[in-house]
N, C-alpha and C. Protein backbone atom coordinates (compact mmCIF):
# COMPACT_ATOMS: atom_id res chain seq x y z
N MET A 1 59.71 -56.95 29.91
CA MET A 1 58.80 -56.43 30.68
C MET A 1 58.68 -57.11 32.03
N GLN A 2 59.08 -56.53 33.14
CA GLN A 2 59.01 -57.30 34.51
C GLN A 2 57.65 -57.13 35.02
N PRO A 3 56.95 -58.11 35.69
CA PRO A 3 55.67 -58.08 36.19
C PRO A 3 55.97 -57.42 37.38
N LYS A 4 54.67 -56.57 37.78
CA LYS A 4 54.73 -55.69 39.11
C LYS A 4 54.25 -56.44 40.33
N SER A 5 53.13 -56.96 40.30
CA SER A 5 52.63 -57.71 41.53
C SER A 5 52.71 -59.31 41.32
N GLU A 6 52.79 -59.80 42.52
CA GLU A 6 52.64 -61.19 42.67
C GLU A 6 51.69 -61.87 41.55
N ALA A 7 50.68 -61.33 41.38
CA ALA A 7 49.50 -61.88 40.44
C ALA A 7 49.96 -61.92 39.09
N GLU A 8 50.54 -60.80 38.67
CA GLU A 8 51.16 -60.78 37.28
C GLU A 8 52.35 -61.65 37.17
N GLN A 9 53.11 -61.87 38.10
CA GLN A 9 54.16 -62.79 38.12
C GLN A 9 53.62 -64.09 37.84
N ALA A 10 52.60 -64.67 38.65
CA ALA A 10 51.93 -65.83 38.61
C ALA A 10 51.49 -66.19 37.18
N GLU A 11 51.04 -65.33 36.61
CA GLU A 11 50.64 -65.19 35.02
C GLU A 11 51.42 -64.87 34.10
N VAL A 12 52.18 -65.76 33.88
CA VAL A 12 53.59 -65.71 32.85
C VAL A 12 52.99 -66.33 31.65
N LEU A 13 53.40 -65.44 30.54
CA LEU A 13 53.59 -66.23 29.21
C LEU A 13 54.59 -66.73 28.89
N TYR A 14 54.44 -68.00 28.25
CA TYR A 14 55.53 -68.85 28.24
C TYR A 14 55.78 -69.09 26.59
N GLN A 15 57.03 -68.98 26.18
CA GLN A 15 57.43 -69.17 24.78
C GLN A 15 58.68 -69.86 24.80
N GLY A 16 58.92 -71.23 25.24
CA GLY A 16 60.28 -71.87 25.20
C GLY A 16 61.04 -71.42 26.21
N ILE A 17 60.76 -71.14 27.25
CA ILE A 17 61.77 -70.55 28.21
C ILE A 17 61.96 -71.87 29.38
N ALA A 18 63.07 -72.29 29.79
CA ALA A 18 63.53 -73.08 30.58
C ALA A 18 62.56 -73.34 32.01
N ALA A 19 62.06 -74.28 32.53
CA ALA A 19 61.80 -74.33 33.71
C ALA A 19 62.32 -73.39 34.95
N ARG A 20 63.74 -73.63 35.00
CA ARG A 20 64.35 -72.75 35.80
C ARG A 20 63.99 -71.26 36.05
N ALA A 21 63.63 -70.58 34.97
CA ALA A 21 63.24 -69.39 35.03
C ALA A 21 62.26 -69.08 35.72
N PHE A 22 61.13 -69.95 35.99
CA PHE A 22 60.18 -69.94 36.91
C PHE A 22 60.18 -70.15 38.28
N GLU A 23 61.46 -70.31 38.91
CA GLU A 23 61.74 -70.81 39.89
C GLU A 23 61.08 -69.72 41.16
N ARG A 24 61.60 -68.21 40.81
CA ARG A 24 61.12 -67.26 41.82
C ARG A 24 59.57 -67.39 41.73
N VAL A 25 58.96 -67.39 40.41
CA VAL A 25 57.35 -67.29 40.41
C VAL A 25 56.93 -68.48 41.43
N PHE A 26 57.37 -69.82 41.40
CA PHE A 26 56.83 -70.72 42.27
C PHE A 26 57.03 -70.48 43.63
N ARG A 27 58.22 -69.92 44.18
CA ARG A 27 58.28 -69.43 45.65
C ARG A 27 57.01 -68.44 46.02
N LEU A 28 56.78 -67.39 44.96
CA LEU A 28 55.71 -66.33 45.08
C LEU A 28 54.32 -66.77 45.21
N ALA A 29 54.12 -67.87 44.58
CA ALA A 29 52.61 -67.82 44.51
C ALA A 29 52.33 -69.78 44.71
N ASP A 30 51.02 -69.73 45.37
CA ASP A 30 50.60 -71.18 45.59
C ASP A 30 50.05 -71.87 44.05
N PHE A 31 50.06 -70.87 43.51
CA PHE A 31 49.36 -71.64 41.89
C PHE A 31 49.62 -71.01 41.10
N VAL A 32 50.39 -71.38 40.00
CA VAL A 32 50.82 -70.64 38.91
C VAL A 32 50.32 -71.31 37.45
N GLU A 33 49.94 -70.36 36.67
CA GLU A 33 49.23 -70.64 35.54
C GLU A 33 50.00 -70.12 34.22
N VAL A 34 50.73 -71.25 33.49
CA VAL A 34 51.43 -70.67 32.47
C VAL A 34 50.67 -70.76 31.23
N LYS A 35 50.71 -69.72 30.43
CA LYS A 35 50.02 -69.73 29.17
C LYS A 35 51.04 -69.52 28.08
N ALA A 36 50.92 -70.17 26.79
CA ALA A 36 51.79 -69.90 26.02
C ALA A 36 51.07 -68.86 25.07
N ALA A 37 52.37 -67.87 24.64
CA ALA A 37 51.57 -66.59 23.83
C ALA A 37 51.14 -67.03 22.56
N ASP A 38 50.27 -66.38 21.93
CA ASP A 38 49.89 -66.44 20.43
C ASP A 38 51.13 -66.29 19.65
N GLU A 39 51.20 -66.87 18.65
CA GLU A 39 52.40 -66.56 17.61
C GLU A 39 51.63 -66.27 15.98
N ASP A 40 52.51 -65.97 15.23
CA ASP A 40 51.96 -66.26 13.59
C ASP A 40 52.51 -67.50 13.28
N LEU A 41 51.54 -68.34 12.84
CA LEU A 41 51.72 -69.63 12.62
C LEU A 41 50.94 -70.18 11.17
N VAL A 42 51.10 -71.05 10.58
CA VAL A 42 50.70 -71.47 9.65
C VAL A 42 50.15 -72.89 9.73
N GLU A 43 48.55 -73.12 9.20
CA GLU A 43 48.08 -74.30 9.39
C GLU A 43 48.26 -75.01 8.20
N ILE A 44 48.41 -76.05 7.99
CA ILE A 44 49.03 -76.81 6.68
C ILE A 44 47.96 -77.95 6.80
N ARG A 45 47.11 -78.17 5.48
CA ARG A 45 46.36 -79.39 5.47
C ARG A 45 46.77 -79.91 4.16
N GLY A 46 46.58 -81.45 3.95
CA GLY A 46 46.85 -82.05 2.73
C GLY A 46 45.61 -82.60 2.11
N ARG A 47 45.29 -82.64 0.77
CA ARG A 47 44.45 -83.15 0.21
C ARG A 47 43.82 -84.56 0.49
N ASP A 48 44.63 -85.20 1.14
CA ASP A 48 44.13 -86.64 1.69
C ASP A 48 45.44 -87.17 2.46
N ALA A 49 45.52 -88.27 2.80
CA ALA A 49 46.34 -88.91 4.01
C ALA A 49 47.67 -89.02 3.16
N ALA A 50 47.81 -89.16 2.07
CA ALA A 50 49.16 -89.39 1.30
C ALA A 50 49.81 -88.33 1.25
N SER A 51 48.91 -87.16 0.91
CA SER A 51 49.16 -85.82 0.73
C SER A 51 49.66 -85.20 2.09
N PHE A 52 48.96 -85.44 3.04
CA PHE A 52 49.50 -85.12 4.25
C PHE A 52 50.98 -85.44 4.87
N ALA A 53 51.08 -87.13 4.49
CA ALA A 53 52.05 -87.42 5.07
C ALA A 53 53.28 -87.11 4.16
N ARG A 54 53.36 -86.76 2.92
CA ARG A 54 54.18 -86.08 2.19
C ARG A 54 54.64 -84.75 2.45
N LEU A 55 53.53 -83.95 2.93
CA LEU A 55 54.02 -82.80 3.60
C LEU A 55 54.63 -82.80 4.86
N ALA A 56 54.29 -83.70 5.75
CA ALA A 56 54.91 -83.77 7.03
C ALA A 56 56.67 -84.15 6.78
N TRP A 57 56.40 -85.19 5.67
CA TRP A 57 58.04 -85.59 5.42
C TRP A 57 58.89 -84.58 5.03
N HIS A 58 58.31 -83.58 4.12
CA HIS A 58 59.09 -82.27 3.48
C HIS A 58 59.43 -81.45 4.82
N LEU A 59 58.37 -81.23 5.95
CA LEU A 59 58.74 -80.11 6.93
C LEU A 59 59.90 -81.18 7.72
N GLY A 60 59.71 -82.22 8.09
CA GLY A 60 60.69 -82.94 8.79
C GLY A 60 62.09 -83.03 8.28
N ASN A 61 62.17 -83.35 6.92
CA ASN A 61 63.25 -83.21 6.20
C ASN A 61 63.94 -81.82 6.29
N ARG A 62 63.32 -80.75 6.77
CA ARG A 62 64.05 -79.33 6.98
C ARG A 62 64.10 -78.86 8.42
N HIS A 63 63.86 -80.10 9.46
CA HIS A 63 64.24 -79.74 10.73
C HIS A 63 63.23 -78.78 11.25
N LEU A 64 62.27 -78.62 10.87
CA LEU A 64 61.44 -77.58 11.49
C LEU A 64 60.46 -77.82 12.49
N PRO A 65 60.54 -77.20 13.75
CA PRO A 65 59.69 -77.37 14.66
C PRO A 65 58.17 -77.29 14.27
N ALA A 66 57.26 -78.53 14.47
CA ALA A 66 55.96 -78.55 14.00
C ALA A 66 55.02 -79.32 15.09
N GLN A 67 53.86 -78.50 15.29
CA GLN A 67 52.89 -79.18 15.93
C GLN A 67 51.87 -79.93 15.24
N ILE A 68 51.99 -81.24 15.38
CA ILE A 68 51.15 -82.31 14.45
C ILE A 68 49.73 -82.38 15.16
N GLU A 69 48.56 -82.03 14.48
CA GLU A 69 47.38 -82.41 15.06
C GLU A 69 46.51 -83.52 14.26
N GLY A 70 45.64 -83.99 14.28
CA GLY A 70 44.80 -84.78 13.51
C GLY A 70 44.81 -84.62 12.13
N ASP A 71 44.33 -83.52 11.72
CA ASP A 71 44.11 -83.03 10.35
C ASP A 71 44.71 -81.88 9.85
N HIS A 72 45.91 -81.52 10.74
CA HIS A 72 46.58 -80.24 10.27
C HIS A 72 47.89 -80.39 10.96
N ILE A 73 48.99 -79.53 10.27
CA ILE A 73 50.17 -79.28 10.96
C ILE A 73 50.32 -77.86 11.26
N LEU A 74 51.01 -77.46 12.31
CA LEU A 74 51.15 -75.95 12.52
C LEU A 74 52.75 -75.83 12.63
N ILE A 75 53.14 -74.74 11.71
CA ILE A 75 54.58 -74.30 12.20
C ILE A 75 54.63 -72.73 12.17
N ARG A 76 55.85 -72.36 12.52
CA ARG A 76 56.13 -70.78 12.52
C ARG A 76 55.91 -70.27 10.97
N ASP A 77 55.60 -69.08 11.00
CA ASP A 77 55.22 -68.56 9.56
C ASP A 77 56.69 -68.38 9.14
N ASP A 78 56.85 -68.75 7.71
CA ASP A 78 58.08 -68.45 7.22
C ASP A 78 57.73 -68.63 5.47
N HIS A 79 57.63 -67.66 4.79
CA HIS A 79 57.31 -67.23 3.60
C HIS A 79 58.13 -68.35 2.47
N VAL A 80 59.43 -68.69 2.79
CA VAL A 80 59.81 -69.63 1.76
C VAL A 80 59.34 -70.98 1.99
N ILE A 81 58.90 -71.36 3.13
CA ILE A 81 58.34 -72.63 3.61
C ILE A 81 56.80 -72.83 2.83
N VAL A 82 56.22 -71.73 3.16
CA VAL A 82 54.87 -71.67 2.68
C VAL A 82 54.81 -71.77 1.21
N ASP A 83 55.60 -71.06 0.45
CA ASP A 83 55.67 -71.35 -1.10
C ASP A 83 56.05 -72.73 -1.35
N MET A 84 57.01 -73.26 -0.74
CA MET A 84 57.12 -74.89 -0.81
C MET A 84 56.14 -75.40 -0.72
N LEU A 85 55.15 -75.33 0.56
CA LEU A 85 54.29 -76.26 0.57
C LEU A 85 52.94 -76.02 -0.31
N ARG A 86 52.65 -74.83 -0.46
CA ARG A 86 51.64 -74.39 -1.79
C ARG A 86 52.11 -75.00 -3.34
N GLY A 87 53.33 -75.08 -3.50
CA GLY A 87 53.82 -75.91 -4.54
C GLY A 87 53.59 -77.51 -4.64
N LEU A 88 53.66 -77.89 -3.33
CA LEU A 88 53.43 -79.49 -3.05
C LEU A 88 51.71 -79.69 -2.98
N GLY A 89 51.19 -78.67 -3.33
CA GLY A 89 49.68 -78.72 -2.89
C GLY A 89 49.02 -78.59 -2.03
N ALA A 90 49.70 -77.96 -0.84
CA ALA A 90 49.26 -77.79 0.62
C ALA A 90 48.05 -76.67 0.29
N ASP A 91 46.99 -77.11 1.19
CA ASP A 91 46.28 -75.77 1.94
C ASP A 91 46.68 -75.49 2.94
N VAL A 92 47.10 -73.96 2.82
CA VAL A 92 47.80 -73.44 3.66
C VAL A 92 47.06 -72.06 4.23
N ARG A 93 46.90 -71.83 5.45
CA ARG A 93 46.38 -70.80 6.05
C ARG A 93 46.88 -70.04 7.21
N LYS A 94 47.13 -68.88 7.27
CA LYS A 94 47.97 -68.12 8.26
C LYS A 94 46.89 -68.09 9.58
N VAL A 95 47.44 -68.28 10.93
CA VAL A 95 46.67 -68.12 11.87
C VAL A 95 47.65 -67.73 13.03
N ARG A 96 46.85 -67.23 14.33
CA ARG A 96 47.52 -66.69 15.52
C ARG A 96 47.32 -67.73 16.63
N SER A 97 47.94 -68.16 17.18
CA SER A 97 47.72 -69.41 18.22
C SER A 97 48.86 -69.67 19.12
N PRO A 98 48.69 -70.37 20.29
CA PRO A 98 49.84 -70.68 21.09
C PRO A 98 50.39 -71.92 20.14
N PHE A 99 51.96 -72.11 20.30
CA PHE A 99 52.50 -73.10 19.49
C PHE A 99 53.20 -74.14 20.51
N ASP A 100 53.00 -75.62 20.25
CA ASP A 100 53.45 -76.47 20.95
C ASP A 100 54.26 -77.60 20.17
N PRO A 101 55.16 -77.42 19.37
CA PRO A 101 55.52 -78.41 18.48
C PRO A 101 56.29 -79.61 19.24
N GLU A 102 56.38 -80.70 18.50
CA GLU A 102 56.85 -81.82 18.77
C GLU A 102 58.18 -81.76 19.26
N GLY A 103 58.55 -82.46 20.15
CA GLY A 103 59.98 -82.55 20.80
C GLY A 103 61.06 -83.05 19.90
N GLY A 104 60.60 -84.05 19.06
CA GLY A 104 61.42 -84.46 18.06
C GLY A 104 62.33 -85.53 18.65
N ALA A 105 63.16 -86.39 17.74
CA ALA A 105 63.81 -87.52 17.92
C ALA A 105 64.77 -87.42 19.26
N TYR A 106 65.58 -86.44 19.35
CA TYR A 106 66.47 -85.97 20.36
C TYR A 106 65.93 -85.15 21.64
N GLY A 107 64.67 -85.06 21.90
CA GLY A 107 64.41 -84.41 22.99
C GLY A 107 63.80 -83.16 22.51
N GLN A 108 63.47 -82.28 23.72
CA GLN A 108 63.00 -80.98 23.50
C GLN A 108 63.40 -79.80 22.82
N HIS A 109 64.65 -80.21 22.32
CA HIS A 109 65.40 -79.15 21.59
C HIS A 109 64.70 -78.27 20.51
N ASN A 110 63.85 -78.67 20.17
CA ASN A 110 62.85 -77.78 18.87
C ASN A 110 62.37 -76.74 19.43
N HIS A 111 62.31 -76.68 20.81
CA HIS A 111 61.81 -75.48 21.38
C HIS A 111 62.75 -74.28 21.54
N ASP A 112 63.88 -74.49 20.98
CA ASP A 112 64.97 -73.45 21.29
C ASP A 112 65.57 -73.32 19.81
N PRO A 113 65.14 -72.13 19.20
CA PRO A 113 65.56 -71.96 17.94
C PRO A 113 67.17 -71.49 17.54
N ASP A 114 68.02 -71.28 18.64
CA ASP A 114 69.43 -71.14 18.64
C ASP A 114 70.12 -72.53 18.99
N HIS A 115 69.32 -73.49 19.21
CA HIS A 115 69.96 -74.89 19.42
C HIS A 115 71.00 -75.23 18.31
N ARG A 116 72.14 -75.63 18.52
CA ARG A 116 72.82 -76.14 17.61
C ARG A 116 73.28 -77.76 17.71
N HIS A 117 73.58 -78.41 16.88
CA HIS A 117 73.78 -79.86 17.14
C HIS A 117 75.22 -80.20 17.45
N GLY A 118 76.17 -79.39 17.02
CA GLY A 118 77.38 -79.65 17.40
C GLY A 118 78.31 -80.41 16.38
N ALA A 119 79.39 -80.61 16.93
CA ALA A 119 80.43 -81.18 15.85
C ALA A 119 79.96 -82.67 14.95
N LEU A 120 79.31 -83.51 15.85
CA LEU A 120 78.78 -84.83 14.98
C LEU A 120 77.77 -84.23 13.85
N HIS A 121 76.71 -83.25 14.29
CA HIS A 121 75.77 -82.95 13.12
C HIS A 121 76.53 -82.41 12.07
N ALA A 122 77.55 -81.54 12.26
CA ALA A 122 78.25 -80.96 11.19
C ALA A 122 79.29 -81.92 10.42
N GLU A 123 79.77 -82.88 11.12
CA GLU A 123 80.48 -83.91 10.44
C GLU A 123 79.35 -84.79 9.70
N ARG A 124 78.21 -85.04 10.01
CA ARG A 124 77.28 -85.84 9.24
C ARG A 124 76.52 -85.04 8.04
N HIS A 125 76.20 -83.79 8.32
CA HIS A 125 75.51 -83.04 7.48
C HIS A 125 76.02 -81.88 6.78
N GLY A 126 77.50 -81.55 7.22
CA GLY A 126 78.27 -80.79 6.35
C GLY A 126 78.20 -79.36 6.93
């Protein structure tokens, strides 16, 4: 859907789009407010600090984009992962919220679900 007015163009719902996509909007408005759209997410909590760390390790081991908060982790809703987490003793609750996952060890690539690691990743991980 294309925004019609300059005001609509200035209020852009953002979900992992590169900054260059906003170049035209910046030229049209003095002020741009970028809001993340609500997504279907899962809030994950552990029983204690050790459980929380274990759950975080399992999510990281699967290279899942995750937003890490002080007492919970947010991930995109995935029934297979939710079943795994419940099996590990996690308290899991579905929520709708903006999603701002960690950038990861290799930068901000976790915002792009179509990202590919390339030949080196395939060589190391099969």
